[in-house]
Every structure is written in C-alpha cells, then in structure tokens.
C-alpha atoms as a PDB file:
ATOM      1  CA  UNK A   1     110.954 -23.801 -47.061  1.00  0.00           C
ATOM      2  CA  UNK A   2     109.769 -20.317 -47.922  1.00  0.00           C
ATOM      3  CA  UNK A   3     106.570 -19.519 -49.690  1.00  0.00           C
ATOM      4  CA  UNK A   4     106.572 -17.486 -52.822  1.00  0.00           C
ATOM      5  CA  UNK A   5     105.202 -13.936 -52.592  1.00  0.00           C
ATOM      6  CA  UNK A   6     102.408 -14.696 -55.055  1.00  0.00           C
ATOM      7  CA  UNK A   7     101.095 -17.441 -52.714  1.00  0.00           C
ATOM      8  CA  UNK A   8     100.908 -14.965 -49.813  1.00  0.00           C
ATOM      9  CA  UNK A   9      99.065 -12.506 -52.019  1.00  0.00           C
ATOM     10  CA  UNK A  10      96.628 -15.211 -53.115  1.00  0.00           C
ATOM     11  CA  UNK A  11      95.962 -16.234 -49.500  1.00  0.00           C
ATOM     12  CA  UNK A  12      95.330 -12.587 -48.568  1.00  0.00           C
ATOM     13  CA  UNK A  13      92.859 -12.237 -51.446  1.00  0.00           C
ATOM     14  CA  UNK A  14      91.054 -15.437 -50.428  1.00  0.00           C
ATOM     15  CA  UNK A  15      90.918 -14.312 -46.769  1.00  0.00           C
ATOM     16  CA  UNK A  16      89.485 -10.915 -47.789  1.00  0.00           C
ATOM     17  CA  UNK A  17      86.903 -12.676 -49.943  1.00  0.00           C
ATOM     18  CA  UNK A  18      85.856 -14.900 -47.040  1.00  0.00           C
ATOM     19  CA  UNK A  19      85.635 -11.922 -44.688  1.00  0.00           C
ATOM     20  CA  UNK A  20      83.485 -10.042 -47.186  1.00  0.00           C
ATOM     21  CA  UNK A  21      81.273 -13.089 -47.657  1.00  0.00           C
ATOM     22  CA  UNK A  22      80.808 -13.460 -43.902  1.00  0.00           C
ATOM     23  CA  UNK A  23      80.043  -9.760 -43.477  1.00  0.00           C
ATOM     24  CA  UNK A  24      77.609  -9.858 -46.389  1.00  0.00           C
ATOM     25  CA  UNK A  25      75.898 -12.961 -44.982  1.00  0.00           C
ATOM     26  CA  UNK A  26      75.542 -11.465 -41.511  1.00  0.00           C
ATOM     27  CA  UNK A  27      74.211  -8.230 -43.001  1.00  0.00           C
ATOM     28  CA  UNK A  28      71.660 -10.076 -45.130  1.00  0.00           C
ATOM     29  CA  UNK A  29      70.480 -12.117 -42.141  1.00  0.00           C
ATOM     30  CA  UNK A  30      70.111  -8.952 -40.049  1.00  0.00           C
ATOM     31  CA  UNK A  31      68.195  -7.168 -42.805  1.00  0.00           C
ATOM     32  CA  UNK A  32      65.999 -10.219 -43.357  1.00  0.00           C
ATOM     33  CA  UNK A  33      65.240 -10.488 -39.644  1.00  0.00           C
ATOM     34  CA  UNK A  34      64.359  -6.795 -39.424  1.00  0.00           C
ATOM     35  CA  UNK A  35      62.117  -6.976 -42.489  1.00  0.00           C
ATOM     36  CA  UNK A  36      60.461 -10.129 -41.207  1.00  0.00           C
ATOM     37  CA  UNK A  37      59.749  -8.543 -37.830  1.00  0.00           C
ATOM     38  CA  UNK A  38      58.380  -5.421 -39.476  1.00  0.00           C
ATOM     39  CA  UNK A  39      56.157  -7.411 -41.844  1.00  0.00           C
ATOM     40  CA  UNK A  40      54.885  -9.587 -39.007  1.00  0.00           C
ATOM     41  CA  UNK A  41      54.055  -6.494 -36.966  1.00  0.00           C
ATOM     42  CA  UNK A  42      52.134  -4.986 -39.882  1.00  0.00           C
ATOM     43  CA  UNK A  43      50.212  -8.191 -40.509  1.00  0.00           C
ATOM     44  CA  UNK A  44      49.277  -8.521 -36.841  1.00  0.00           C
ATOM     45  CA  UNK A  45      48.019  -4.929 -36.765  1.00  0.00           C
ATOM     46  CA  UNK A  46      45.960  -5.431 -39.906  1.00  0.00           C
ATOM     47  CA  UNK A  47      44.511  -8.679 -38.596  1.00  0.00           C
ATOM     48  CA  UNK A  48      43.616  -7.066 -35.268  1.00  0.00           C
ATOM     49  CA  UNK A  49      41.974  -4.114 -37.031  1.00  0.00           C
ATOM     50  CA  UNK A  50      40.005  -6.391 -39.349  1.00  0.00           C
ATOM     51  CA  UNK A  51      38.922  -8.823 -36.613  1.00  0.00           C
ATOM     52  CA  UNK A  52      35.166  -8.592 -36.111  1.00  0.00           C
ATOM     53  CA  UNK A  53      33.863  -8.002 -32.613  1.00  0.00           C
ATOM     54  CA  UNK A  54      32.573 -11.528 -32.153  1.00  0.00           C
ATOM     55  CA  UNK A  55      32.618 -14.068 -29.357  1.00  0.00           C
ATOM     56  CA  UNK A  56      36.402 -14.241 -29.209  1.00  0.00           C
ATOM     57  CA  UNK A  57      36.654 -10.484 -28.691  1.00  0.00           C
ATOM     58  CA  UNK A  58      33.785 -10.485 -26.222  1.00  0.00           C
ATOM     59  CA  UNK A  59      35.473 -13.092 -24.084  1.00  0.00           C
ATOM     60  CA  UNK A  60      38.483 -10.756 -23.667  1.00  0.00           C
ATOM     61  CA  UNK A  61      36.473  -7.583 -23.227  1.00  0.00           C
ATOM     62  CA  UNK A  62      34.112  -6.299 -20.591  1.00  0.00           C
ATOM     63  CA  UNK A  63      30.993  -7.224 -22.572  1.00  0.00           C
ATOM     64  CA  UNK A  64      28.959 -10.131 -21.267  1.00  0.00           C
ATOM     65  CA  UNK A  65      29.224 -13.382 -23.129  1.00  0.00           C
ATOM     66  CA  UNK A  66      25.881 -13.840 -24.828  1.00  0.00           C
ATOM     67  CA  UNK A  67      23.754 -16.690 -26.088  1.00  0.00           C
ATOM     68  CA  UNK A  68      25.182 -15.852 -29.492  1.00  0.00           C
ATOM     69  CA  UNK A  69      28.684 -16.472 -28.144  1.00  0.00           C
ATOM     70  CA  UNK A  70      27.566 -19.757 -26.570  1.00  0.00           C
ATOM     71  CA  UNK A  71      26.057 -20.868 -29.884  1.00  0.00           C
ATOM     72  CA  UNK A  72      29.221 -19.938 -31.766  1.00  0.00           C
ATOM     73  CA  UNK A  73      31.373 -21.905 -29.325  1.00  0.00           C
ATOM     74  CA  UNK A  74      29.029 -24.894 -29.450  1.00  0.00           C
ATOM     75  CA  UNK A  75      28.885 -24.854 -33.271  1.00  0.00           C
ATOM     76  CA  UNK A  76      32.661 -24.859 -33.475  1.00  0.00           C
ATOM     77  CA  UNK A  77      32.987 -27.699 -30.966  1.00  0.00           C
ATOM     78  CA  UNK A  78      30.214 -29.740 -32.595  1.00  0.00           C
ATOM     79  CA  UNK A  79      31.934 -29.677 -35.972  1.00  0.00           C
ATOM     80  CA  UNK A  80      35.532 -30.030 -34.773  1.00  0.00           C
ATOM     81  CA  UNK A  81      34.868 -32.729 -32.167  1.00  0.00           C
ATOM     82  CA  UNK A  82      32.120 -34.518 -34.095  1.00  0.00           C
ATOM     83  CA  UNK A  83      29.809 -34.458 -31.052  1.00  0.00           C
ATOM     84  CA  UNK A  84      26.812 -36.763 -30.796  1.00  0.00           C
ATOM     85  CA  UNK A  85      23.407 -35.232 -29.963  1.00  0.00           C
ATOM     86  CA  UNK A  86      23.752 -36.307 -26.330  1.00  0.00           C
ATOM     87  CA  UNK A  87      27.245 -34.806 -26.112  1.00  0.00           C
ATOM     88  CA  UNK A  88      26.056 -31.617 -27.799  1.00  0.00           C
ATOM     89  CA  UNK A  89      23.318 -31.142 -25.171  1.00  0.00           C
ATOM     90  CA  UNK A  90      25.738 -31.791 -22.304  1.00  0.00           C
ATOM     91  CA  UNK A  91      28.403 -29.477 -23.735  1.00  0.00           C
ATOM     92  CA  UNK A  92      25.782 -26.780 -24.376  1.00  0.00           C
ATOM     93  CA  UNK A  93      24.558 -26.958 -20.776  1.00  0.00           C
ATOM     94  CA  UNK A  94      28.122 -26.818 -19.449  1.00  0.00           C
ATOM     95  CA  UNK A  95      29.061 -23.857 -21.663  1.00  0.00           C
ATOM     96  CA  UNK A  96      25.946 -21.891 -20.721  1.00  0.00           C
ATOM     97  CA  UNK A  97      26.366 -22.460 -16.987  1.00  0.00           C
ATOM     98  CA  UNK A  98      30.069 -21.502 -17.114  1.00  0.00           C
ATOM     99  CA  UNK A  99      29.294 -18.420 -19.215  1.00  0.00           C
ATOM    100  CA  UNK A 100      26.747 -17.337 -16.605  1.00  0.00           C
ATOM    101  CA  UNK A 101      29.382 -17.715 -13.907  1.00  0.00           C
ATOM    102  CA  UNK A 102      31.945 -15.854 -16.015  1.00  0.00           C
ATOM    103  CA  UNK A 103      29.490 -13.002 -16.653  1.00  0.00           C
ATOM    104  CA  UNK A 104      28.852 -12.701 -12.922  1.00  0.00           C
ATOM    105  CA  UNK A 105      32.574 -12.556 -12.222  1.00  0.00           C
ATOM    106  CA  UNK A 106      33.080  -9.969 -14.953  1.00  0.00           C
ATOM    107  CA  UNK A 107      30.274  -7.775 -13.599  1.00  0.00           C
ATOM    108  CA  UNK A 108      31.762  -7.901 -10.111  1.00  0.00           C
ATOM    109  CA  UNK A 109      35.220  -7.189 -11.478  1.00  0.00           C
ATOM    110  CA  UNK A 110      33.978  -4.170 -13.433  1.00  0.00           C
ATOM    111  CA  UNK A 111      32.327  -2.779 -10.296  1.00  0.00           C
ATOM    112  CA  UNK A 112      35.451  -3.336  -8.213  1.00  0.00           C
ATOM    113  CA  UNK A 113      37.758  -1.777 -10.824  1.00  0.00           C
ATOM    114  CA  UNK A 114      35.461   1.258 -11.097  1.00  0.00           C
ATOM    115  CA  UNK A 115      35.537   1.569  -7.286  1.00  0.00           C
ATOM    116  CA  UNK A 116      39.351   1.452  -7.292  1.00  0.00           C
ATOM    117  CA  UNK A 117      39.473   4.083 -10.034  1.00  0.00           C
ATOM    118  CA  UNK A 118      37.219   6.322  -7.924  1.00  0.00           C
ATOM    119  CA  UNK A 119      39.474   5.813  -4.892  1.00  0.00           C
ATOM    120  CA  UNK A 120      42.545   6.646  -6.971  1.00  0.00           C
ATOM    121  CA  UNK A 121      40.865   9.821  -8.247  1.00  0.00           C
ATOM    122  CA  UNK A 122      40.044  10.891  -4.668  1.00  0.00           C
ATOM    123  CA  UNK A 123      43.622  10.271  -3.500  1.00  0.00           C
ATOM    124  CA  UNK A 124      45.174  12.060  -6.453  1.00  0.00           C
ATOM    125  CA  UNK A 125      42.789  15.006  -6.112  1.00  0.00           C
ATOM    126  CA  UNK A 126      44.070  15.448  -2.528  1.00  0.00           C
ATOM    127  CA  UNK A 127      47.723  15.191  -3.625  1.00  0.00           C
ATOM    128  CA  UNK A 128      47.895  16.978  -6.981  1.00  0.00           C
ATOM    129  CA  UNK A 129      47.243  20.602  -7.849  1.00  0.00           C
ATOM    130  CA  UNK A 130      44.182  21.344 -10.006  1.00  0.00           C
ATOM    131  CA  UNK A 131      46.448  21.712 -13.050  1.00  0.00           C
ATOM    132  CA  UNK A 132      48.256  18.430 -12.328  1.00  0.00           C
ATOM    133  CA  UNK A 133      44.979  16.616 -11.692  1.00  0.00           C
ATOM    134  CA  UNK A 134      43.576  17.956 -14.962  1.00  0.00           C
ATOM    135  CA  UNK A 135      46.690  16.719 -16.773  1.00  0.00           C
ATOM    136  CA  UNK A 136      46.325  13.332 -14.992  1.00  0.00           C
ATOM    137  CA  UNK A 137      42.749  13.035 -16.290  1.00  0.00           C
ATOM    138  CA  UNK A 138      43.940  13.917 -19.801  1.00  0.00           C
ATOM    139  CA  UNK A 139      46.648  11.226 -19.680  1.00  0.00           C
ATOM    140  CA  UNK A 140      44.098   8.713 -18.409  1.00  0.00           C
ATOM    141  CA  UNK A 141      41.690   9.609 -21.234  1.00  0.00           C
ATOM    142  CA  UNK A 142      44.493   9.115 -23.784  1.00  0.00           C
ATOM    143  CA  UNK A 143      45.334   5.692 -22.342  1.00  0.00           C
ATOM    144  CA  UNK A 144      41.657   4.693 -22.494  1.00  0.00           C
ATOM    145  CA  UNK A 145      41.356   5.930 -26.085  1.00  0.00           C
ATOM    146  CA  UNK A 146      44.420   3.863 -27.059  1.00  0.00           C
ATOM    147  CA  UNK A 147      42.934   0.797 -25.351  1.00  0.00           C
ATOM    148  CA  UNK A 148      39.665   1.251 -27.234  1.00  0.00           C
ATOM    149  CA  UNK A 149      41.517   1.588 -30.528  1.00  0.00           C
ATOM    150  CA  UNK A 150      43.374  -1.657 -29.822  1.00  0.00           C
ATOM    151  CA  UNK A 151      40.174  -3.398 -28.701  1.00  0.00           C
ATOM    152  CA  UNK A 152      41.313  -4.037 -25.139  1.00  0.00           C
ATOM    153  CA  UNK A 153      38.749  -4.541 -22.405  1.00  0.00           C
ATOM    154  CA  UNK A 154      37.053  -1.460 -20.997  1.00  0.00           C
ATOM    155  CA  UNK A 155      35.283  -0.759 -17.767  1.00  0.00           C
ATOM    156  CA  UNK A 156      31.902   0.962 -17.540  1.00  0.00           C
ATOM    157  CA  UNK A 157      33.677   4.232 -16.731  1.00  0.00           C
ATOM    158  CA  UNK A 158      35.630   4.103 -20.027  1.00  0.00           C
ATOM    159  CA  UNK A 159      32.414   4.385 -21.971  1.00  0.00           C
END
C-alpha cells in the first residue's frame, strides 16, 4: 500500500512544526536561564552593597566581635528559641566566652598573616627588579581595594 503524496507533505509539515517548537522551547529555556542568572547576580550584588556592617559582617571580617555583636546574637536567639531567663544567662555566658576566644584567635591570625606578607615582600624584593616589585605592589594594592569594596576580611596591613 502506497501513501498519497499529500500525506507525505502533511507529515513533513508536522515534523517541521515539531522541530521548530522544540528549537523554540530550548531557546526560551536558555534565555530564561541566562536572564535568571543575571538577575540573581544583580540582586546578590545589591544586597551585599546594602548590607550594613553589623555583627554578621564583623564575624567574617578582621574586626573583633564586640559586646554589641554578642547582644545582637543573644537577642536573636532569645526570640527565636524562646529562651527562659536561666537559659538566656547561660547562653550569654557561653557566647561571650567563645567570642573572647574567637577574638584571640583572630588577633593571632592577623599577626601571622602580616608576618607572612612581610616575608613574601622580602623574598620578592630579592627576586624581582625594582620595576617588577613596584608593579607587584600595585597589583597587591588593587586586590586589597577590590576586597575592601566587596567587604571581605582585611588584615591590619590593608588599612
């Protein structure tokens, strides 16, 4: 049994329509994914730029965690965990003692990182020409400026 020519033509038209629909669908998904990624990136940048330098930022940075940070943490825990007065006192004591320990560790870390930076400078000064070393310092300053703009932790040397 042979098929009429008009049936073959109809099947070809249907197949082309399906192919176009698949291509259009894939294209729309790709465009949607790209737009979604771009929008997410923009929102994250705006949120990071608008984020106040509070306890959450301090805990990531080189700044010591303060009594203000301890109070903020305790206030959040008290309301979210519905702490009793006894629990609040115990949690407060634990937070403050751990923050003291963390601040000590951070201070030591900052000193050690600064010492390593000094050692790196000495080694590079011996290896690089004056022009290369000057360019190295410029690159390092640019990296530090970018870190500051993004709110990433700094050492005492970064200023």
